[in-house]
Amino acid sequence: MVILAFCKNSHSPGSETGNPQMCPSLMISCVQFCLSPSETVRFIELDSEHERNTYLEHLVKEKSLPITLNNKRGTVPFCDICFLIKPDRTHHCSSCEKCVPKMDHHCPWINNCVGYHNQKYFLLFLFHAICYCILCFLSTLGFFIYFVHNQIDFDLNGMHVFFLFVISLVFAIALFALLLFQLALLFGNSSTLEHFRSPNFRDSTVHTTFNLGFKSNFVQVFGTRPLLWLIPIRTSQGDGFSFPVRTAGGDGSRAPLLYSV
């Protein structure tokens, strides 16, 4: 199960946006965000940043793109490498050289980005890896106890078992800490990037959030079928390009889900 979750993490299909030919499985979804050749030429010919931002605003309205976020400068989020208007919660990864929907972080251990398309797989990978480390730890605990009480000799084989005991314990603690952080992000419907820099919603007149509540946040990633929660297969909801939001009333109270973008 650990190996299966790892493989799904490393080779999750359609983990990028960008040119349609780069993500054929998501062509219908992402092609609307890409600039056409004529739009690209016109965009490049514009002299000032203000003119380009105005043109991007025009494209968002003309194409009716479901954009609810601005970039940190307060303008339409645009990737000048992939040449696309970035969907909500999408970020460009310099390591993968592509835009990743709902990007969380780039993980060198799986040589891939963690995002919308493999968030569930990554969480399951952490969970099963912890279980495996605990199994190794418990399997070697008896040897460690005997060794402490000088009841066995510390030969070459014993050194290997002792090394496995220490490594499994260290990795179990580290992975458990990472899993707790990722679960906190999951139940808050956030990501590592959003944890350090809050999303900048275009409508600043009301408080808006992607946090729909513990249950809805969990179901959005793991789906509604409990029997499939621990199996690394696709059960996540949505398309990765638009996300339901909630707005709060003037008194700061949580309002019902108003719309899905």
C-alpha atoms as a PDB file:
ATOM      1  CA  MET A   1       0.000   0.000   0.000  1.00  0.00           C
ATOM      2  CA  VAL A   2       2.931   2.320   0.741  1.00  0.00           C
ATOM      3  CA  ILE A   3       4.433   1.626  -2.685  1.00  0.00           C
ATOM      4  CA  LEU A   4       1.072   2.112  -4.423  1.00  0.00           C
ATOM      5  CA  ALA A   5       0.490   5.452  -2.675  1.00  0.00           C
ATOM      6  CA  PHE A   6       4.055   6.512  -3.543  1.00  0.00           C
ATOM      7  CA  CYS A   7       3.549   5.655  -7.214  1.00  0.00           C
ATOM      8  CA  LYS A   8       0.245   7.546  -7.329  1.00  0.00           C
ATOM      9  CA  ASN A   9       2.016  10.549  -5.790  1.00  0.00           C
ATOM     10  CA  SER A  10       4.864  10.488  -8.269  1.00  0.00           C
ATOM     11  CA  HIS A  11       2.785   9.843 -11.391  1.00  0.00           C
ATOM     12  CA  SER A  12      -0.566  11.494 -10.659  1.00  0.00           C
ATOM     13  CA  PRO A  13      -2.121  12.323 -14.059  1.00  0.00           C
ATOM     14  CA  GLY A  14      -3.123  15.823 -15.037  1.00  0.00           C
ATOM     15  CA  SER A  15      -1.185  17.478 -12.246  1.00  0.00           C
ATOM     16  CA  GLU A  16      -0.591  20.618 -14.235  1.00  0.00           C
ATOM     17  CA  THR A  17      -2.270  23.403 -16.074  1.00  0.00           C
ATOM     18  CA  GLY A  18      -0.846  25.192 -19.057  1.00  0.00           C
ATOM     19  CA  ASN A  19      -0.956  24.529 -22.757  1.00  0.00           C
ATOM     20  CA  PRO A  20      -3.745  22.071 -23.669  1.00  0.00           C
ATOM     21  CA  GLN A  21      -1.313  19.644 -25.260  1.00  0.00           C
ATOM     22  CA  MET A  22       0.518  19.417 -21.924  1.00  0.00           C
ATOM     23  CA  CYS A  23      -2.557  18.192 -20.050  1.00  0.00           C
ATOM     24  CA  PRO A  24      -4.884  16.396 -22.485  1.00  0.00           C
ATOM     25  CA  SER A  25      -6.950  14.868 -19.686  1.00  0.00           C
ATOM     26  CA  LEU A  26      -7.817  18.366 -18.498  1.00  0.00           C
ATOM     27  CA  MET A  27      -7.988  20.077 -21.877  1.00  0.00           C
ATOM     28  CA  ILE A  28     -11.611  21.167 -21.530  1.00  0.00           C
ATOM     29  CA  SER A  29     -10.941  22.625 -18.101  1.00  0.00           C
ATOM     30  CA  CYS A  30      -7.632  24.393 -18.620  1.00  0.00           C
ATOM     31  CA  VAL A  31      -7.815  25.588 -22.215  1.00  0.00           C
ATOM     32  CA  GLN A  32     -10.047  28.491 -21.228  1.00  0.00           C
ATOM     33  CA  PHE A  33      -7.315  29.852 -18.949  1.00  0.00           C
ATOM     34  CA  CYS A  34      -4.612  29.726 -21.630  1.00  0.00           C
ATOM     35  CA  LEU A  35      -3.935  32.685 -23.873  1.00  0.00           C
ATOM     36  CA  SER A  36      -4.515  31.985 -27.544  1.00  0.00           C
ATOM     37  CA  PRO A  37      -1.730  32.863 -30.019  1.00  0.00           C
ATOM     38  CA  SER A  38      -3.459  36.123 -30.943  1.00  0.00           C
ATOM     39  CA  GLU A  39      -4.091  37.003 -27.297  1.00  0.00           C
ATOM     40  CA  THR A  40      -0.466  36.229 -26.487  1.00  0.00           C
ATOM     41  CA  VAL A  41       0.792  38.540 -29.242  1.00  0.00           C
ATOM     42  CA  ARG A  42      -1.500  41.333 -28.119  1.00  0.00           C
ATOM     43  CA  PHE A  43      -0.459  40.857 -24.489  1.00  0.00           C
ATOM     44  CA  ILE A  44       3.244  41.064 -25.369  1.00  0.00           C
ATOM     45  CA  GLU A  45       2.735  44.173 -27.493  1.00  0.00           C
ATOM     46  CA  LEU A  46       1.243  46.109 -24.588  1.00  0.00           C
ATOM     47  CA  ASP A  47       3.811  48.501 -23.164  1.00  0.00           C
ATOM     48  CA  SER A  48       2.924  49.041 -19.519  1.00  0.00           C
ATOM     49  CA  GLU A  49       2.036  46.679 -16.710  1.00  0.00           C
ATOM     50  CA  HIS A  50      -1.174  48.632 -16.160  1.00  0.00           C
ATOM     51  CA  GLU A  51      -2.272  47.981 -19.747  1.00  0.00           C
ATOM     52  CA  ARG A  52      -1.509  44.282 -19.388  1.00  0.00           C
ATOM     53  CA  ASN A  53      -3.463  44.040 -16.147  1.00  0.00           C
ATOM     54  CA  THR A  54      -6.390  45.827 -17.778  1.00  0.00           C
ATOM     55  CA  TYR A  55      -6.244  43.416 -20.706  1.00  0.00           C
ATOM     56  CA  LEU A  56      -6.200  40.415 -18.362  1.00  0.00           C
ATOM     57  CA  GLU A  57      -9.237  41.812 -16.536  1.00  0.00           C
ATOM     58  CA  HIS A  58     -10.954  42.088 -19.907  1.00  0.00           C
ATOM     59  CA  LEU A  59     -10.145  38.444 -20.724  1.00  0.00           C
ATOM     60  CA  VAL A  60     -11.469  37.267 -17.359  1.00  0.00           C
ATOM     61  CA  LYS A  61     -14.800  38.986 -18.017  1.00  0.00           C
ATOM     62  CA  GLU A  62     -14.959  38.031 -21.687  1.00  0.00           C
ATOM     63  CA  LYS A  63     -14.304  34.336 -20.995  1.00  0.00           C
ATOM     64  CA  SER A  64     -16.316  34.351 -17.745  1.00  0.00           C
ATOM     65  CA  LEU A  65     -13.405  32.725 -15.935  1.00  0.00           C
ATOM     66  CA  PRO A  66     -14.174  31.578 -12.368  1.00  0.00           C
ATOM     67  CA  ILE A  67     -11.454  33.724 -10.812  1.00  0.00           C
ATOM     68  CA  THR A  68     -12.073  34.844  -7.226  1.00  0.00           C
ATOM     69  CA  LEU A  69      -8.469  35.536  -6.193  1.00  0.00           C
ATOM     70  CA  ASN A  70      -5.970  38.262  -7.007  1.00  0.00           C
ATOM     71  CA  ASN A  71      -2.218  37.951  -6.786  1.00  0.00           C
ATOM     72  CA  LYS A  72      -0.251  39.695  -4.047  1.00  0.00           C
ATOM     73  CA  ARG A  73      -0.222  42.908  -6.112  1.00  0.00           C
ATOM     74  CA  GLY A  74      -4.016  42.935  -6.242  1.00  0.00           C
ATOM     75  CA  THR A  75      -4.264  42.133  -9.955  1.00  0.00           C
ATOM     76  CA  VAL A  76      -5.343  39.136 -12.039  1.00  0.00           C
ATOM     77  CA  PRO A  77      -2.996  36.202 -11.311  1.00  0.00           C
ATOM     78  CA  PHE A  78      -0.985  35.467 -14.448  1.00  0.00           C
ATOM     79  CA  CYS A  79       1.904  33.089 -15.101  1.00  0.00           C
ATOM     80  CA  ASP A  80       4.341  34.667 -17.543  1.00  0.00           C
ATOM     81  CA  ILE A  81       6.114  31.313 -17.964  1.00  0.00           C
ATOM     82  CA  CYS A  82       3.132  29.120 -18.870  1.00  0.00           C
ATOM     83  CA  PHE A  83       1.287  32.145 -20.311  1.00  0.00           C
ATOM     84  CA  LEU A  84      -2.026  31.468 -18.658  1.00  0.00           C
ATOM     85  CA  ILE A  85      -4.380  33.212 -16.297  1.00  0.00           C
ATOM     86  CA  LYS A  86      -3.843  31.166 -13.171  1.00  0.00           C
ATOM     87  CA  PRO A  87      -6.968  29.485 -11.774  1.00  0.00           C
ATOM     88  CA  ASP A  88      -7.725  29.943  -8.094  1.00  0.00           C
ATOM     89  CA  ARG A  89      -5.113  28.428  -5.766  1.00  0.00           C
ATOM     90  CA  THR A  90      -2.830  27.579  -8.689  1.00  0.00           C
ATOM     91  CA  HIS A  91       0.887  28.317  -8.399  1.00  0.00           C
ATOM     92  CA  HIS A  92       3.868  27.829 -10.675  1.00  0.00           C
ATOM     93  CA  CYS A  93       6.466  25.332  -9.486  1.00  0.00           C
ATOM     94  CA  SER A  94       9.991  26.180 -10.614  1.00  0.00           C
ATOM     95  CA  SER A  95      11.128  22.586 -10.007  1.00  0.00           C
ATOM     96  CA  CYS A  96       8.352  20.957 -12.061  1.00  0.00           C
ATOM     97  CA  GLU A  97       8.318  23.906 -14.503  1.00  0.00           C
ATOM     98  CA  LYS A  98       4.526  23.965 -14.625  1.00  0.00           C
ATOM     99  CA  CYS A  99       1.518  25.463 -12.887  1.00  0.00           C
ATOM    100  CA  VAL A 100       0.014  23.145 -10.274  1.00  0.00           C
ATOM    101  CA  PRO A 101      -3.668  23.372  -9.191  1.00  0.00           C
ATOM    102  CA  LYS A 102      -4.086  23.942  -5.445  1.00  0.00           C
ATOM    103  CA  MET A 103      -0.345  23.619  -4.997  1.00  0.00           C
ATOM    104  CA  ASP A 104       0.767  22.733  -1.479  1.00  0.00           C
ATOM    105  CA  HIS A 105       4.510  22.260  -1.879  1.00  0.00           C
ATOM    106  CA  HIS A 106       7.118  20.518  -3.995  1.00  0.00           C
ATOM    107  CA  CYS A 107       8.163  17.285  -2.312  1.00  0.00           C
ATOM    108  CA  PRO A 108      11.652  16.010  -3.253  1.00  0.00           C
ATOM    109  CA  TRP A 109      10.872  12.588  -1.745  1.00  0.00           C
ATOM    110  CA  ILE A 110       8.229  11.870  -4.399  1.00  0.00           C
ATOM    111  CA  ASN A 111       9.875  14.121  -7.024  1.00  0.00           C
ATOM    112  CA  ASN A 112       6.552  15.820  -7.648  1.00  0.00           C
ATOM    113  CA  CYS A 113       4.346  18.618  -6.411  1.00  0.00           C
ATOM    114  CA  VAL A 114       1.631  17.960  -3.858  1.00  0.00           C
ATOM    115  CA  GLY A 115      -1.581  19.595  -5.007  1.00  0.00           C
ATOM    116  CA  TYR A 116      -5.191  19.035  -5.925  1.00  0.00           C
ATOM    117  CA  HIS A 117      -4.645  15.875  -7.969  1.00  0.00           C
ATOM    118  CA  ASN A 118      -2.546  13.968  -5.435  1.00  0.00           C
ATOM    119  CA  GLN A 119      -3.296  15.500  -2.023  1.00  0.00           C
ATOM    120  CA  LYS A 120      -5.203  12.386  -0.966  1.00  0.00           C
ATOM    121  CA  TYR A 121      -2.410  10.123  -2.211  1.00  0.00           C
ATOM    122  CA  PHE A 122       0.176  12.135  -0.271  1.00  0.00           C
ATOM    123  CA  LEU A 123      -1.797  11.910   2.970  1.00  0.00           C
ATOM    124  CA  LEU A 124      -2.258   8.168   2.499  1.00  0.00           C
ATOM    125  CA  PHE A 125       1.437   7.806   1.713  1.00  0.00           C
ATOM    126  CA  LEU A 126       2.308   9.500   5.012  1.00  0.00           C
ATOM    127  CA  PHE A 127      -0.209   7.375   6.925  1.00  0.00           C
ATOM    128  CA  HIS A 128       0.932   4.036   5.489  1.00  0.00           C
ATOM    129  CA  ALA A 129       4.606   5.011   5.802  1.00  0.00           C
ATOM    130  CA  ILE A 130       4.057   5.752   9.500  1.00  0.00           C
ATOM    131  CA  CYS A 131       2.349   2.379   9.937  1.00  0.00           C
ATOM    132  CA  TYR A 132       5.313   0.691   8.252  1.00  0.00           C
ATOM    133  CA  CYS A 133       7.800   2.532  10.491  1.00  0.00           C
ATOM    134  CA  ILE A 134       5.811   1.550  13.591  1.00  0.00           C
ATOM    135  CA  LEU A 135       5.822  -2.074  12.422  1.00  0.00           C
ATOM    136  CA  CYS A 136       9.617  -1.987  12.005  1.00  0.00           C
ATOM    137  CA  PHE A 137       9.988  -0.293  15.388  1.00  0.00           C
ATOM    138  CA  LEU A 138       7.876  -2.885  17.200  1.00  0.00           C
ATOM    139  CA  SER A 139       9.636  -5.725  15.376  1.00  0.00           C
ATOM    140  CA  THR A 140      13.044  -4.551  16.618  1.00  0.00           C
ATOM    141  CA  LEU A 141      11.959  -3.327  20.061  1.00  0.00           C
ATOM    142  CA  GLY A 142      12.549  -6.739  21.640  1.00  0.00           C
ATOM    143  CA  PHE A 143      16.130  -6.805  20.361  1.00  0.00           C
ATOM    144  CA  PHE A 144      16.743  -3.319  21.756  1.00  0.00           C
ATOM    145  CA  ILE A 145      15.437  -4.337  25.191  1.00  0.00           C
ATOM    146  CA  TYR A 146      17.641  -7.436  25.239  1.00  0.00           C
ATOM    147  CA  PHE A 147      20.607  -5.356  24.111  1.00  0.00           C
ATOM    148  CA  VAL A 148      20.105  -2.771  26.880  1.00  0.00           C
ATOM    149  CA  HIS A 149      20.071  -5.544  29.478  1.00  0.00           C
ATOM    150  CA  ASN A 150      23.210  -7.125  27.951  1.00  0.00           C
ATOM    151  CA  GLN A 151      21.364 -10.340  27.186  1.00  0.00           C
ATOM    152  CA  ILE A 152      22.616 -10.585  23.579  1.00  0.00           C
ATOM    153  CA  ASP A 153      25.871  -9.805  21.782  1.00  0.00           C
ATOM    154  CA  PHE A 154      26.099  -6.755  19.569  1.00  0.00           C
ATOM    155  CA  ASP A 155      27.478  -8.394  16.407  1.00  0.00           C
ATOM    156  CA  LEU A 156      27.119  -7.328  12.765  1.00  0.00           C
ATOM    157  CA  ASN A 157      23.554  -8.609  12.502  1.00  0.00           C
ATOM    158  CA  GLY A 158      22.684  -6.939  15.774  1.00  0.00           C
ATOM    159  CA  MET A 159      24.095  -3.660  14.506  1.00  0.00           C
ATOM    160  CA  HIS A 160      21.792  -3.834  11.468  1.00  0.00           C
ATOM    161  CA  VAL A 161      18.752  -4.476  13.644  1.00  0.00           C
ATOM    162  CA  PHE A 162      19.717  -1.665  16.017  1.00  0.00           C
ATOM    163  CA  PHE A 163      20.150   0.703  13.072  1.00  0.00           C
ATOM    164  CA  LEU A 164      16.685  -0.267  11.788  1.00  0.00           C
ATOM    165  CA  PHE A 165      15.244   0.373  15.262  1.00  0.00           C
ATOM    166  CA  VAL A 166      16.675   3.897  15.420  1.00  0.00           C
ATOM    167  CA  ILE A 167      15.825   4.826  11.833  1.00  0.00           C
ATOM    168  CA  SER A 168      12.243   3.566  12.077  1.00  0.00           C
ATOM    169  CA  LEU A 169      11.713   5.548  15.293  1.00  0.00           C
ATOM    170  CA  VAL A 170      13.159   8.767  13.846  1.00  0.00           C
ATOM    171  CA  PHE A 171      11.183   8.495  10.618  1.00  0.00           C
ATOM    172  CA  ALA A 172       7.970   7.641  12.468  1.00  0.00           C
ATOM    173  CA  ILE A 173       8.264  10.791  14.592  1.00  0.00           C
ATOM    174  CA  ALA A 174       9.132  13.021  11.620  1.00  0.00           C
ATOM    175  CA  LEU A 175       6.371  11.621   9.408  1.00  0.00           C
ATOM    176  CA  PHE A 176       3.833  11.850  12.228  1.00  0.00           C
ATOM    177  CA  ALA A 177       4.625  15.547  12.719  1.00  0.00           C
ATOM    178  CA  LEU A 178       4.264  16.152   8.981  1.00  0.00           C
ATOM    179  CA  LEU A 179       0.989  14.207   8.876  1.00  0.00           C
ATOM    180  CA  LEU A 180      -0.440  16.279  11.743  1.00  0.00           C
ATOM    181  CA  PHE A 181       0.423  19.493   9.894  1.00  0.00           C
ATOM    182  CA  GLN A 182      -1.095  18.204   6.657  1.00  0.00           C
ATOM    183  CA  LEU A 183      -4.262  17.100   8.481  1.00  0.00           C
ATOM    184  CA  ALA A 184      -4.565  20.572  10.009  1.00  0.00           C
ATOM    185  CA  LEU A 185      -4.378  22.017   6.495  1.00  0.00           C
ATOM    186  CA  LEU A 186      -6.888  19.438   5.235  1.00  0.00           C
ATOM    187  CA  PHE A 187      -9.516  20.195   7.878  1.00  0.00           C
ATOM    188  CA  GLY A 188      -8.973  23.926   7.403  1.00  0.00           C
ATOM    189  CA  ASN A 189      -9.151  23.617   3.594  1.00  0.00           C
ATOM    190  CA  SER A 190      -5.813  25.316   3.206  1.00  0.00           C
ATOM    191  CA  SER A 191      -2.372  24.556   1.805  1.00  0.00           C
ATOM    192  CA  THR A 192       1.181  25.154   2.952  1.00  0.00           C
ATOM    193  CA  LEU A 193       1.463  28.177   0.657  1.00  0.00           C
ATOM    194  CA  GLU A 194      -1.862  29.585   1.853  1.00  0.00           C
ATOM    195  CA  HIS A 195      -0.849  28.937   5.462  1.00  0.00           C
ATOM    196  CA  PHE A 196       2.056  31.352   5.109  1.00  0.00           C
ATOM    197  CA  ARG A 197       0.243  33.808   2.796  1.00  0.00           C
ATOM    198  CA  SER A 198      -3.525  34.050   3.006  1.00  0.00           C
ATOM    199  CA  PRO A 199      -5.490  34.066  -0.279  1.00  0.00           C
ATOM    200  CA  ASN A 200      -6.227  37.549  -1.593  1.00  0.00           C
ATOM    201  CA  PHE A 201      -9.894  37.500  -2.637  1.00  0.00           C
ATOM    202  CA  ARG A 202     -10.987  39.919  -5.344  1.00  0.00           C
ATOM    203  CA  ASP A 203     -14.078  40.955  -3.394  1.00  0.00           C
ATOM    204  CA  SER A 204     -12.594  42.539  -0.286  1.00  0.00           C
ATOM    205  CA  THR A 205     -15.905  43.921   0.995  1.00  0.00           C
ATOM    206  CA  VAL A 206     -16.831  40.651   2.715  1.00  0.00           C
ATOM    207  CA  HIS A 207     -14.781  38.026   4.490  1.00  0.00           C
ATOM    208  CA  THR A 208     -14.446  35.034   2.168  1.00  0.00           C
ATOM    209  CA  THR A 209     -12.822  31.684   2.855  1.00  0.00           C
ATOM    210  CA  PHE A 210     -12.384  28.250   1.318  1.00  0.00           C
ATOM    211  CA  ASN A 211     -13.012  26.699   4.741  1.00  0.00           C
ATOM    212  CA  LEU A 212     -16.397  24.971   4.508  1.00  0.00           C
ATOM    213  CA  GLY A 213     -16.201  23.162   7.846  1.00  0.00           C
ATOM    214  CA  PHE A 214     -14.349  20.020   8.970  1.00  0.00           C
ATOM    215  CA  LYS A 215     -16.638  17.499   7.292  1.00  0.00           C
ATOM    216  CA  SER A 216     -17.022  19.331   3.976  1.00  0.00           C
ATOM    217  CA  ASN A 217     -13.284  20.005   3.791  1.00  0.00           C
ATOM    218  CA  PHE A 218     -12.505  16.324   4.354  1.00  0.00           C
ATOM    219  CA  VAL A 219     -15.095  15.125   1.838  1.00  0.00           C
ATOM    220  CA  GLN A 220     -13.746  17.549  -0.765  1.00  0.00           C
ATOM    221  CA  VAL A 221     -10.441  15.628  -0.769  1.00  0.00           C
ATOM    222  CA  PHE A 222     -11.414  12.071   0.249  1.00  0.00           C
ATOM    223  CA  GLY A 223     -14.902  11.841  -1.227  1.00  0.00           C
ATOM    224  CA  THR A 224     -18.158  10.551   0.215  1.00  0.00           C
ATOM    225  CA  ARG A 225     -17.451   6.792   0.189  1.00  0.00           C
ATOM    226  CA  PRO A 226     -15.757   5.729   3.465  1.00  0.00           C
ATOM    227  CA  LEU A 227     -14.691   2.358   2.045  1.00  0.00           C
ATOM    228  CA  LEU A 228     -12.416   4.177  -0.419  1.00  0.00           C
ATOM    229  CA  TRP A 229     -10.848   6.645   1.996  1.00  0.00           C
ATOM    230  CA  LEU A 230      -7.797   4.477   2.745  1.00  0.00           C
ATOM    231  CA  ILE A 231      -7.324   3.299  -0.834  1.00  0.00           C
ATOM    232  CA  PRO A 232      -5.139   5.440  -3.151  1.00  0.00           C
ATOM    233  CA  ILE A 233      -7.677   5.930  -5.934  1.00  0.00           C
ATOM    234  CA  ARG A 234      -9.258   9.143  -7.167  1.00  0.00           C
ATOM    235  CA  THR A 235     -12.245  10.163  -5.029  1.00  0.00           C
ATOM    236  CA  SER A 236     -11.642  13.925  -4.708  1.00  0.00           C
ATOM    237  CA  GLN A 237     -14.417  16.314  -5.661  1.00  0.00           C
ATOM    238  CA  GLY A 238     -14.240  19.233  -8.076  1.00  0.00           C
ATOM    239  CA  ASP A 239     -12.018  19.955 -11.054  1.00  0.00           C
ATOM    240  CA  GLY A 240      -9.052  21.671  -9.386  1.00  0.00           C
ATOM    241  CA  PHE A 241      -9.721  24.983 -11.130  1.00  0.00           C
ATOM    242  CA  SER A 242     -12.625  26.357  -9.103  1.00  0.00           C
ATOM    243  CA  PHE A 243     -13.520  25.846  -5.456  1.00  0.00           C
ATOM    244  CA  PRO A 244     -16.624  26.481  -3.337  1.00  0.00           C
ATOM    245  CA  VAL A 245     -16.298  29.365  -0.893  1.00  0.00           C
ATOM    246  CA  ARG A 246     -18.080  30.706   2.148  1.00  0.00           C
ATOM    247  CA  THR A 247     -18.641  34.293   3.152  1.00  0.00           C
ATOM    248  CA  ALA A 248     -19.116  35.580   6.673  1.00  0.00           C
ATOM    249  CA  GLY A 249     -21.763  38.065   7.767  1.00  0.00           C
ATOM    250  CA  GLY A 250     -20.979  41.488   9.076  1.00  0.00           C
ATOM    251  CA  ASP A 251     -20.856  40.186  12.653  1.00  0.00           C
ATOM    252  CA  GLY A 252     -18.219  37.644  11.671  1.00  0.00           C
ATOM    253  CA  SER A 253     -20.570  34.688  11.977  1.00  0.00           C
ATOM    254  CA  ARG A 254     -20.340  31.818   9.548  1.00  0.00           C
ATOM    255  CA  ALA A 255     -22.878  32.038   6.744  1.00  0.00           C
ATOM    256  CA  PRO A 256     -24.172  29.105   4.673  1.00  0.00           C
ATOM    257  CA  LEU A 257     -22.420  28.147   1.473  1.00  0.00           C
ATOM    258  CA  LEU A 258     -23.469  30.877  -0.914  1.00  0.00           C
ATOM    259  CA  TYR A 259     -22.019  29.894  -4.227  1.00  0.00           C
ATOM    260  CA  SER A 260     -19.631  27.592  -5.953  1.00  0.00           C
ATOM    261  CA  VAL A 261     -17.149  29.100  -8.350  1.00  0.00           C
END
